[in-house]
Structures are given as structure tokens and as C-alpha cells.
Amino acid sequence: MNESNNKGWSEYEKLVLSELERHNTLIEHVRKDISLLQTEIAGLKIKSGFWGLLGAAIPIAMAMAFKVIG
């Protein structure tokens, strides 16, 4: 009876190990995706900062122009 329990555990052990390897692979893919998203977010932050600066510069330039003209 002890050998049949060991055989059952041996098969279950293989299943558990294969599932752990599968999960490890999935986690690696998720980490790569997160890294890619972080890079894309950083690029979007730079672009939004540039457009924000440009958007603020236009009214300031117009106000200065009106002050010089008026």
C-alpha cells in the first residue's frame, strides 16, 4: 500500500512541477509586458509634458504680444 501511495505522489509531483513551470513562464511574459508598458508610459509622459509646455507657451506669447502692442 505504501508503494501505491508513492506512485500516486510521484505522478502528482510531476503535475505540480509542470504547473509551477507553466506559471513561471506566464509570470515571465507578464513581467516583459509590464516592462514594455512602463517604457510606453514614460514616452507618453514626455510627449504630454512637451504638449503642455507648448499649450502654455501660446497664451503667454499672446499676452506678451498684446502688452507690447497695447
PDB file of N, CA and C in Angstrom:
ATOM      1  N   MET A   1       0.824  -1.192   0.000  1.00  0.00           N
ATOM      2  CA  MET A   1       0.000   0.000   0.000  1.00  0.00           C
ATOM      3  C   MET A   1       0.868   1.256   0.000  1.00  0.00           C
ATOM      4  N   ASN A   2       2.007   1.199   0.636  1.00  0.00           N
ATOM      5  CA  ASN A   2       2.900   2.341   0.679  1.00  0.00           C
ATOM      6  C   ASN A   2       3.454   2.662  -0.708  1.00  0.00           C
ATOM      7  N   GLU A   3       3.710   1.609  -1.505  1.00  0.00           N
ATOM      8  CA  GLU A   3       4.220   1.837  -2.861  1.00  0.00           C
ATOM      9  C   GLU A   3       3.171   2.498  -3.747  1.00  0.00           C
ATOM     10  N   SER A   4       1.915   2.132  -3.582  1.00  0.00           N
ATOM     11  CA  SER A   4       0.868   2.766  -4.390  1.00  0.00           C
ATOM     12  C   SER A   4       0.715   4.239  -4.006  1.00  0.00           C
ATOM     13  N   ASN A   5       0.898   4.574  -2.727  1.00  0.00           N
ATOM     14  CA  ASN A   5       0.862   5.984  -2.319  1.00  0.00           C
ATOM     15  C   ASN A   5       2.032   6.738  -2.914  1.00  0.00           C
ATOM     16  N   ASN A   6       3.214   6.117  -2.933  1.00  0.00           N
ATOM     17  CA  ASN A   6       4.386   6.762  -3.533  1.00  0.00           C
ATOM     18  C   ASN A   6       4.202   6.965  -5.023  1.00  0.00           C
ATOM     19  N   LYS A   7       3.598   5.963  -5.696  1.00  0.00           N
ATOM     20  CA  LYS A   7       3.350   6.102  -7.133  1.00  0.00           C
ATOM     21  C   LYS A   7       2.364   7.244  -7.394  1.00  0.00           C
ATOM     22  N   GLY A   8       1.332   7.314  -6.583  1.00  0.00           N
ATOM     23  CA  GLY A   8       0.370   8.403  -6.734  1.00  0.00           C
ATOM     24  C   GLY A   8       1.016   9.759  -6.498  1.00  0.00           C
ATOM     25  N   TRP A   9       1.882   9.837  -5.495  1.00  0.00           N
ATOM     26  CA  TRP A   9       2.574  11.101  -5.223  1.00  0.00           C
ATOM     27  C   TRP A   9       3.535  11.446  -6.343  1.00  0.00           C
ATOM     28  N   SER A  10       4.197  10.437  -6.894  1.00  0.00           N
ATOM     29  CA  SER A  10       5.146  10.678  -7.979  1.00  0.00           C
ATOM     30  C   SER A  10       4.434  11.329  -9.173  1.00  0.00           C
ATOM     31  N   GLU A  11       3.264  10.813  -9.522  1.00  0.00           N
ATOM     32  CA  GLU A  11       2.507  11.401 -10.623  1.00  0.00           C
ATOM     33  C   GLU A  11       2.021  12.804 -10.261  1.00  0.00           C
ATOM     34  N   TYR A  12       1.550  12.969  -9.048  1.00  0.00           N
ATOM     35  CA  TYR A  12       1.084  14.282  -8.602  1.00  0.00           C
ATOM     36  C   TYR A  12       2.249  15.267  -8.548  1.00  0.00           C
ATOM     37  N   GLU A  13       3.419  14.795  -8.131  1.00  0.00           N
ATOM     38  CA  GLU A  13       4.609  15.651  -8.071  1.00  0.00           C
ATOM     39  C   GLU A  13       4.963  16.171  -9.454  1.00  0.00           C
ATOM     40  N   LYS A  14       4.882  15.299 -10.464  1.00  0.00           N
ATOM     41  CA  LYS A  14       5.164  15.713 -11.847  1.00  0.00           C
ATOM     42  C   LYS A  14       4.157  16.774 -12.297  1.00  0.00           C
ATOM     43  N   LEU A  15       2.906  16.570 -11.944  1.00  0.00           N
ATOM     44  CA  LEU A  15       1.868  17.545 -12.303  1.00  0.00           C
ATOM     45  C   LEU A  15       2.135  18.888 -11.636  1.00  0.00           C
ATOM     46  N   VAL A  16       2.465  18.858 -10.352  1.00  0.00           N
ATOM     47  CA  VAL A  16       2.727  20.103  -9.613  1.00  0.00           C
ATOM     48  C   VAL A  16       3.931  20.818 -10.212  1.00  0.00           C
ATOM     49  N   LEU A  17       4.992  20.082 -10.510  1.00  0.00           N
ATOM     50  CA  LEU A  17       6.189  20.703 -11.084  1.00  0.00           C
ATOM     51  C   LEU A  17       5.906  21.294 -12.466  1.00  0.00           C
ATOM     52  N   SER A  18       5.127  20.590 -13.275  1.00  0.00           N
ATOM     53  CA  SER A  18       4.816  21.130 -14.605  1.00  0.00           C
ATOM     54  C   SER A  18       3.963  22.387 -14.494  1.00  0.00           C
ATOM     55  N   GLU A  19       3.041  22.412 -13.543  1.00  0.00           N
ATOM     56  CA  GLU A  19       2.218  23.612 -13.340  1.00  0.00           C
ATOM     57  C   GLU A  19       3.066  24.781 -12.833  1.00  0.00           C
ATOM     58  N   LEU A  20       4.013  24.500 -11.957  1.00  0.00           N
ATOM     59  CA  LEU A  20       4.904  25.560 -11.472  1.00  0.00           C
ATOM     60  C   LEU A  20       5.743  26.124 -12.613  1.00  0.00           C
ATOM     61  N   GLU A  21       6.226  25.267 -13.495  1.00  0.00           N
ATOM     62  CA  GLU A  21       6.997  25.741 -14.652  1.00  0.00           C
ATOM     63  C   GLU A  21       6.121  26.571 -15.581  1.00  0.00           C
ATOM     64  N   ARG A  22       4.875  26.133 -15.781  1.00  0.00           N
ATOM     65  CA  ARG A  22       3.949  26.879 -16.642  1.00  0.00           C
ATOM     66  C   ARG A  22       3.668  28.259 -16.050  1.00  0.00           C
ATOM     67  N   HIS A  23       3.440  28.299 -14.745  1.00  0.00           N
ATOM     68  CA  HIS A  23       3.191  29.584 -14.085  1.00  0.00           C
ATOM     69  C   HIS A  23       4.420  30.486 -14.152  1.00  0.00           C
ATOM     70  N   ASN A  24       5.591  29.898 -14.025  1.00  0.00           N
ATOM     71  CA  ASN A  24       6.818  30.688 -14.120  1.00  0.00           C
ATOM     72  C   ASN A  24       6.940  31.319 -15.503  1.00  0.00           C
ATOM     73  N   THR A  25       6.612  30.561 -16.528  1.00  0.00           N
ATOM     74  CA  THR A  25       6.647  31.090 -17.894  1.00  0.00           C
ATOM     75  C   THR A  25       5.643  32.230 -18.057  1.00  0.00           C
ATOM     76  N   LEU A  26       4.449  32.042 -17.520  1.00  0.00           N
ATOM     77  CA  LEU A  26       3.433  33.095 -17.607  1.00  0.00           C
ATOM     78  C   LEU A  26       3.878  34.358 -16.877  1.00  0.00           C
ATOM     79  N   ILE A  27       4.485  34.200 -15.721  1.00  0.00           N
ATOM     80  CA  ILE A  27       4.964  35.354 -14.948  1.00  0.00           C
ATOM     81  C   ILE A  27       6.058  36.090 -15.716  1.00  0.00           C
ATOM     82  N   GLU A  28       6.940  35.350 -16.377  1.00  0.00           N
ATOM     83  CA  GLU A  28       7.985  35.986 -17.179  1.00  0.00           C
ATOM     84  C   GLU A  28       7.369  36.819 -18.303  1.00  0.00           C
ATOM     85  N   HIS A  29       6.332  36.293 -18.958  1.00  0.00           N
ATOM     86  CA  HIS A  29       5.659  37.042 -20.021  1.00  0.00           C
ATOM     87  C   HIS A  29       4.997  38.300 -19.463  1.00  0.00           C
ATOM     88  N   VAL A  30       4.377  38.183 -18.315  1.00  0.00           N
ATOM     89  CA  VAL A  30       3.725  39.344 -17.691  1.00  0.00           C
ATOM     90  C   VAL A  30       4.771  40.406 -17.344  1.00  0.00           C
ATOM     91  N   ARG A  31       5.905  39.981 -16.825  1.00  0.00           N
ATOM     92  CA  ARG A  31       6.966  40.941 -16.491  1.00  0.00           C
ATOM     93  C   ARG A  31       7.465  41.668 -17.733  1.00  0.00           C
ATOM     94  N   LYS A  32       7.609  40.944 -18.831  1.00  0.00           N
ATOM     95  CA  LYS A  32       8.048  41.584 -20.083  1.00  0.00           C
ATOM     96  C   LYS A  32       7.006  42.587 -20.556  1.00  0.00           C
ATOM     97  N   ASP A  33       5.737  42.201 -20.467  1.00  0.00           N
ATOM     98  CA  ASP A  33       4.667  43.105 -20.883  1.00  0.00           C
ATOM     99  C   ASP A  33       4.635  44.361 -20.007  1.00  0.00           C
ATOM    100  N   ILE A  34       4.815  44.187 -18.709  1.00  0.00           N
ATOM    101  CA  ILE A  34       4.825  45.330 -17.794  1.00  0.00           C
ATOM    102  C   ILE A  34       5.997  46.245 -18.110  1.00  0.00           C
ATOM    103  N   SER A  35       7.149  45.666 -18.399  1.00  0.00           N
ATOM    104  CA  SER A  35       8.321  46.477 -18.744  1.00  0.00           C
ATOM    105  C   SER A  35       8.062  47.286 -20.017  1.00  0.00           C
ATOM    106  N   LEU A  36       7.446  46.659 -20.999  1.00  0.00           N
ATOM    107  CA  LEU A  36       7.107  47.359 -22.239  1.00  0.00           C
ATOM    108  C   LEU A  36       6.118  48.489 -21.965  1.00  0.00           C
ATOM    109  N   LEU A  37       5.114  48.222 -21.145  1.00  0.00           N
ATOM    110  CA  LEU A  37       4.133  49.253 -20.810  1.00  0.00           C
ATOM    111  C   LEU A  37       4.772  50.417 -20.059  1.00  0.00           C
ATOM    112  N   GLN A  38       5.718  50.120 -19.162  1.00  0.00           N
ATOM    113  CA  GLN A  38       6.398  51.191 -18.431  1.00  0.00           C
ATOM    114  C   GLN A  38       7.173  52.082 -19.397  1.00  0.00           C
ATOM    115  N   THR A  39       7.803  51.476 -20.394  1.00  0.00           N
ATOM    116  CA  THR A  39       8.534  52.251 -21.398  1.00  0.00           C
ATOM    117  C   THR A  39       7.581  53.131 -22.197  1.00  0.00           C
ATOM    118  N   GLU A  40       6.456  52.563 -22.596  1.00  0.00           N
ATOM    119  CA  GLU A  40       5.480  53.334 -23.365  1.00  0.00           C
ATOM    120  C   GLU A  40       4.887  54.476 -22.528  1.00  0.00           C
ATOM    121  N   ILE A  41       4.623  54.225 -21.258  1.00  0.00           N
ATOM    122  CA  ILE A  41       4.085  55.269 -20.379  1.00  0.00           C
ATOM    123  C   ILE A  41       5.094  56.392 -20.214  1.00  0.00           C
ATOM    124  N   ALA A  42       6.371  56.041 -20.074  1.00  0.00           N
ATOM    125  CA  ALA A  42       7.398  57.078 -19.946  1.00  0.00           C
ATOM    126  C   ALA A  42       7.424  57.954 -21.196  1.00  0.00           C
ATOM    127  N   GLY A  43       7.314  57.337 -22.362  1.00  0.00           N
ATOM    128  CA  GLY A  43       7.278  58.108 -23.605  1.00  0.00           C
ATOM    129  C   GLY A  43       6.062  59.017 -23.670  1.00  0.00           C
ATOM    130  N   LEU A  44       4.918  58.518 -23.230  1.00  0.00           N
ATOM    131  CA  LEU A  44       3.703  59.348 -23.229  1.00  0.00           C
ATOM    132  C   LEU A  44       3.816  60.510 -22.250  1.00  0.00           C
ATOM    133  N   LYS A  45       4.488  60.289 -21.113  1.00  0.00           N
ATOM    134  CA  LYS A  45       4.684  61.380 -20.157  1.00  0.00           C
ATOM    135  C   LYS A  45       5.540  62.480 -20.769  1.00  0.00           C
ATOM    136  N   ILE A  46       6.572  62.094 -21.506  1.00  0.00           N
ATOM    137  CA  ILE A  46       7.434  63.083 -22.150  1.00  0.00           C
ATOM    138  C   ILE A  46       6.641  63.874 -23.193  1.00  0.00           C
ATOM    139  N   LYS A  47       5.861  63.152 -24.013  1.00  0.00           N
ATOM    140  CA  LYS A  47       5.058  63.821 -25.040  1.00  0.00           C
ATOM    141  C   LYS A  47       4.036  64.765 -24.418  1.00  0.00           C
ATOM    142  N   SER A  48       3.378  64.324 -23.344  1.00  0.00           N
ATOM    143  CA  SER A  48       2.362  65.172 -22.728  1.00  0.00           C
ATOM    144  C   SER A  48       3.005  66.398 -22.085  1.00  0.00           C
ATOM    145  N   GLY A  49       4.197  66.252 -21.537  1.00  0.00           N
ATOM    146  CA  GLY A  49       4.900  67.394 -20.972  1.00  0.00           C
ATOM    147  C   GLY A  49       5.253  68.406 -22.042  1.00  0.00           C
ATOM    148  N   PHE A  50       5.699  67.909 -23.196  1.00  0.00           N
ATOM    149  CA  PHE A  50       6.023  68.803 -24.301  1.00  0.00           C
ATOM    150  C   PHE A  50       4.792  69.556 -24.776  1.00  0.00           C
ATOM    151  N   TRP A  51       3.680  68.828 -24.975  1.00  0.00           N
ATOM    152  CA  TRP A  51       2.462  69.481 -25.455  1.00  0.00           C
ATOM    153  C   TRP A  51       1.883  70.420 -24.400  1.00  0.00           C
ATOM    154  N   GLY A  52       2.059  70.100 -23.143  1.00  0.00           N
ATOM    155  CA  GLY A  52       1.618  71.000 -22.082  1.00  0.00           C
ATOM    156  C   GLY A  52       2.422  72.293 -22.087  1.00  0.00           C
ATOM    157  N   LEU A  53       3.727  72.148 -22.278  1.00  0.00           N
ATOM    158  CA  LEU A  53       4.595  73.328 -22.363  1.00  0.00           C
ATOM    159  C   LEU A  53       4.206  74.187 -23.558  1.00  0.00           C
ATOM    160  N   LEU A  54       3.998  73.540 -24.678  1.00  0.00           N
ATOM    161  CA  LEU A  54       3.606  74.277 -25.880  1.00  0.00           C
ATOM    162  C   LEU A  54       2.238  74.941 -25.697  1.00  0.00           C
ATOM    163  N   GLY A  55       1.314  74.219 -25.082  1.00  0.00           N
ATOM    164  CA  GLY A  55      -0.011  74.782 -24.851  1.00  0.00           C
ATOM    165  C   GLY A  55       0.020  75.980 -23.915  1.00  0.00           C
ATOM    166  N   ALA A  56       0.925  75.967 -22.937  1.00  0.00           N
ATOM    167  CA  ALA A  56       1.037  77.100 -22.020  1.00  0.00           C
ATOM    168  C   ALA A  56       1.804  78.257 -22.664  1.00  0.00           C
ATOM    169  N   ALA A  57       2.698  77.950 -23.578  1.00  0.00           N
ATOM    170  CA  ALA A  57       3.515  78.996 -24.207  1.00  0.00           C
ATOM    171  C   ALA A  57       2.690  79.882 -25.139  1.00  0.00           C
ATOM    172  N   ILE A  58       1.706  79.324 -25.773  1.00  0.00           N
ATOM    173  CA  ILE A  58       0.911  80.102 -26.735  1.00  0.00           C
ATOM    174  C   ILE A  58       0.154  81.242 -26.046  1.00  0.00           C
ATOM    175  N   PRO A  59      -0.604  81.012 -24.979  1.00  0.00           N
ATOM    176  CA  PRO A  59      -1.287  82.136 -24.336  1.00  0.00           C
ATOM    177  C   PRO A  59      -0.314  83.150 -23.722  1.00  0.00           C
ATOM    178  N   ILE A  60       0.799  82.660 -23.215  1.00  0.00           N
ATOM    179  CA  ILE A  60       1.796  83.581 -22.650  1.00  0.00           C
ATOM    180  C   ILE A  60       2.359  84.475 -23.749  1.00  0.00           C
ATOM    181  N   ALA A  61       2.667  83.879 -24.905  1.00  0.00           N
ATOM    182  CA  ALA A  61       3.190  84.672 -26.025  1.00  0.00           C
ATOM    183  C   ALA A  61       2.159  85.683 -26.514  1.00  0.00           C
ATOM    184  N   MET A  62       0.904  85.284 -26.540  1.00  0.00           N
ATOM    185  CA  MET A  62      -0.143  86.218 -26.952  1.00  0.00           C
ATOM    186  C   MET A  62      -0.295  87.350 -25.944  1.00  0.00           C
ATOM    187  N   ALA A  63      -0.239  87.041 -24.668  1.00  0.00           N
ATOM    188  CA  ALA A  63      -0.344  88.079 -23.641  1.00  0.00           C
ATOM    189  C   ALA A  63       0.825  89.055 -23.732  1.00  0.00           C
ATOM    190  N   MET A  64       1.999  88.547 -23.961  1.00  0.00           N
ATOM    191  CA  MET A  64       3.165  89.436 -24.094  1.00  0.00           C
ATOM    192  C   MET A  64       3.030  90.310 -25.335  1.00  0.00           C
ATOM    193  N   ALA A  65       2.513  89.729 -26.441  1.00  0.00           N
ATOM    194  CA  ALA A  65       2.342  90.488 -27.663  1.00  0.00           C
ATOM    195  C   ALA A  65       1.324  91.617 -27.456  1.00  0.00           C
ATOM    196  N   PHE A  66       0.213  91.305 -26.768  1.00  0.00           N
ATOM    197  CA  PHE A  66      -0.782  92.339 -26.506  1.00  0.00           C
ATOM    198  C   PHE A  66      -0.228  93.448 -25.602  1.00  0.00           C
ATOM    199  N   LYS A  67       0.631  93.041 -24.666  1.00  0.00           N
ATOM    200  CA  LYS A  67       1.213  94.034 -23.760  1.00  0.00           C
ATOM    201  C   LYS A  67       2.158  94.969 -24.517  1.00  0.00           C
ATOM    202  N   VAL A  68       2.922  94.394 -25.441  1.00  0.00           N
ATOM    203  CA  VAL A  68       3.850  95.215 -26.236  1.00  0.00           C
ATOM    204  C   VAL A  68       3.074  96.111 -27.202  1.00  0.00           C
ATOM    205  N   ILE A  69       2.043  95.603 -27.812  1.00  0.00           N
ATOM    206  CA  ILE A  69       1.262  96.367 -28.792  1.00  0.00           C
ATOM    207  C   ILE A  69       0.395  97.406 -28.091  1.00  0.00           C
ATOM    208  N   GLY A  70      -0.200  97.017 -26.965  1.00  0.00           N
ATOM    209  CA  GLY A  70      -1.172  97.901 -26.323  1.00  0.00           C
ATOM    210  C   GLY A  70      -0.570  98.802 -25.362  1.00  0.00           C
TER     211      GLY A  70
END
